[in-house]
């Protein structure tokens, strides 16, 4: 039983290390959102 637990722990450790071994950097894409509405413009007097 102890050998089975050690084998299971070894497999878990190996799986964790292989999952964390991804050395490729992630690409970060930043997109600025477009304004929802346009800003009001001054047209003179009240309309």
N, C-alpha and C. Protein backbone atom coordinates (compact mmCIF):
# COMPACT_ATOMS: atom_id res chain seq x y z
N UNK A 1 0.82 -1.19 0.00
CA UNK A 1 0.00 0.00 0.00
C UNK A 1 0.87 1.25 0.00
N UNK A 2 1.98 1.22 0.71
CA UNK A 2 2.85 2.39 0.78
C UNK A 2 3.49 2.66 -0.57
N UNK A 3 3.83 1.60 -1.30
CA UNK A 3 4.41 1.78 -2.63
C UNK A 3 3.40 2.40 -3.58
N UNK A 4 2.14 2.02 -3.44
CA UNK A 4 1.09 2.58 -4.29
C UNK A 4 0.93 4.08 -4.02
N UNK A 5 0.98 4.47 -2.76
CA UNK A 5 0.85 5.89 -2.40
C UNK A 5 2.04 6.68 -2.92
N UNK A 6 3.24 6.12 -2.80
CA UNK A 6 4.43 6.80 -3.31
C UNK A 6 4.38 6.93 -4.83
N UNK A 7 3.90 5.88 -5.50
CA UNK A 7 3.77 5.93 -6.96
C UNK A 7 2.74 6.98 -7.37
N UNK A 8 1.66 7.06 -6.65
CA UNK A 8 0.63 8.06 -6.93
C UNK A 8 1.15 9.47 -6.69
N UNK A 9 1.91 9.67 -5.62
CA UNK A 9 2.50 10.98 -5.33
C UNK A 9 3.53 11.35 -6.39
N UNK A 10 4.32 10.37 -6.83
CA UNK A 10 5.31 10.62 -7.87
C UNK A 10 4.63 11.00 -9.18
N UNK A 11 3.55 10.31 -9.53
CA UNK A 11 2.81 10.63 -10.75
C UNK A 11 2.19 12.01 -10.67
N UNK A 12 1.67 12.38 -9.50
CA UNK A 12 1.10 13.72 -9.32
C UNK A 12 2.15 14.81 -9.42
N UNK A 13 3.31 14.56 -8.84
CA UNK A 13 4.41 15.53 -8.91
C UNK A 13 4.89 15.68 -10.34
N UNK A 14 5.04 14.57 -11.04
CA UNK A 14 5.48 14.61 -12.44
C UNK A 14 4.46 15.35 -13.30
N UNK A 15 3.19 15.10 -13.07
CA UNK A 15 2.14 15.78 -13.82
C UNK A 15 2.12 17.27 -13.57
N UNK A 16 2.31 17.67 -12.32
CA UNK A 16 2.35 19.09 -11.98
C UNK A 16 3.54 19.77 -12.61
N UNK A 17 4.70 19.14 -12.55
CA UNK A 17 5.90 19.74 -13.14
C UNK A 17 5.79 19.84 -14.66
N UNK A 18 5.23 18.83 -15.29
CA UNK A 18 5.11 18.89 -16.75
C UNK A 18 4.07 19.92 -17.17
N UNK A 19 3.04 20.15 -16.37
CA UNK A 19 2.03 21.16 -16.70
C UNK A 19 2.58 22.57 -16.53
N UNK A 20 3.50 22.74 -15.58
CA UNK A 20 4.06 24.06 -15.32
C UNK A 20 5.30 24.34 -16.17
N UNK A 21 5.72 23.42 -16.99
CA UNK A 21 6.95 23.58 -17.76
C UNK A 21 6.74 24.34 -19.06
N UNK A 22 5.56 24.89 -19.29
CA UNK A 22 5.30 25.64 -20.52
C UNK A 22 6.06 26.96 -20.45
N UNK A 23 7.13 27.08 -21.24
CA UNK A 23 8.00 28.25 -21.18
C UNK A 23 7.66 29.30 -22.23
N UNK A 24 6.64 29.08 -23.04
CA UNK A 24 6.27 30.07 -24.04
C UNK A 24 5.56 31.24 -23.37
N UNK A 25 6.01 32.47 -23.64
CA UNK A 25 5.33 33.62 -23.04
C UNK A 25 3.96 33.83 -23.68
N UNK A 26 3.03 34.27 -22.87
CA UNK A 26 1.69 34.52 -23.37
C UNK A 26 1.66 35.86 -24.10
N UNK A 27 0.92 35.92 -25.18
CA UNK A 27 0.77 37.17 -25.90
C UNK A 27 -0.34 37.99 -25.24
N UNK A 28 -0.02 39.24 -24.92
CA UNK A 28 -0.99 40.12 -24.29
C UNK A 28 -1.45 41.12 -25.33
N UNK A 29 -2.75 41.14 -25.59
CA UNK A 29 -3.32 42.05 -26.57
C UNK A 29 -4.22 43.02 -25.84
N UNK A 30 -3.89 44.31 -25.97
CA UNK A 30 -4.68 45.34 -25.31
C UNK A 30 -5.44 46.11 -26.39
N UNK A 31 -6.74 46.11 -26.30
CA UNK A 31 -7.59 46.81 -27.26
C UNK A 31 -8.35 47.89 -26.50
N UNK A 32 -8.19 49.14 -26.94
CA UNK A 32 -8.91 50.22 -26.29
C UNK A 32 -10.35 50.23 -26.78
N UNK A 33 -11.31 50.27 -25.88
CA UNK A 33 -12.71 50.25 -26.29
C UNK A 33 -13.10 51.57 -26.97
N UNK A 34 -13.99 51.47 -27.95
CA UNK A 34 -14.47 52.66 -28.64
C UNK A 34 -15.52 53.33 -27.77
N UNK A 35 -15.62 54.66 -27.87
CA UNK A 35 -16.63 55.34 -27.04
C UNK A 35 -18.04 54.90 -27.41
N UNK A 36 -18.90 54.83 -26.42
CA UNK A 36 -20.27 54.38 -26.64
C UNK A 36 -21.06 55.46 -27.38
N UNK A 37 -20.87 56.71 -27.00
CA UNK A 37 -21.55 57.81 -27.67
C UNK A 37 -20.56 58.92 -27.93
N UNK A 38 -20.92 59.82 -28.85
CA UNK A 38 -20.03 60.93 -29.16
C UNK A 38 -20.24 62.05 -28.14
N UNK A 39 -19.24 62.87 -27.98
CA UNK A 39 -19.34 63.98 -27.04
C UNK A 39 -20.18 65.08 -27.65
N UNK A 40 -20.98 65.76 -26.84
CA UNK A 40 -21.79 66.85 -27.39
C UNK A 40 -20.91 68.01 -27.85
N UNK A 41 -21.33 68.66 -28.89
CA UNK A 41 -20.57 69.80 -29.41
C UNK A 41 -21.36 71.07 -29.15
N UNK A 42 -20.64 72.15 -29.02
CA UNK A 42 -21.27 73.45 -28.77
C UNK A 42 -21.82 73.98 -30.09
N UNK A 43 -23.11 74.30 -30.11
CA UNK A 43 -23.75 74.80 -31.35
C UNK A 43 -24.23 76.22 -31.20
N UNK A 44 -23.90 76.89 -30.15
CA UNK A 44 -24.37 78.27 -29.97
C UNK A 44 -25.38 78.33 -28.84
N UNK A 45 -26.53 78.91 -29.13
CA UNK A 45 -27.56 79.02 -28.10
C UNK A 45 -28.25 77.68 -27.88
N UNK A 46 -29.15 77.69 -26.90
CA UNK A 46 -29.89 76.47 -26.61
C UNK A 46 -30.77 76.08 -27.78
N UNK A 47 -30.80 74.83 -28.11
CA UNK A 47 -31.66 74.38 -29.20
C UNK A 47 -32.57 73.29 -28.72
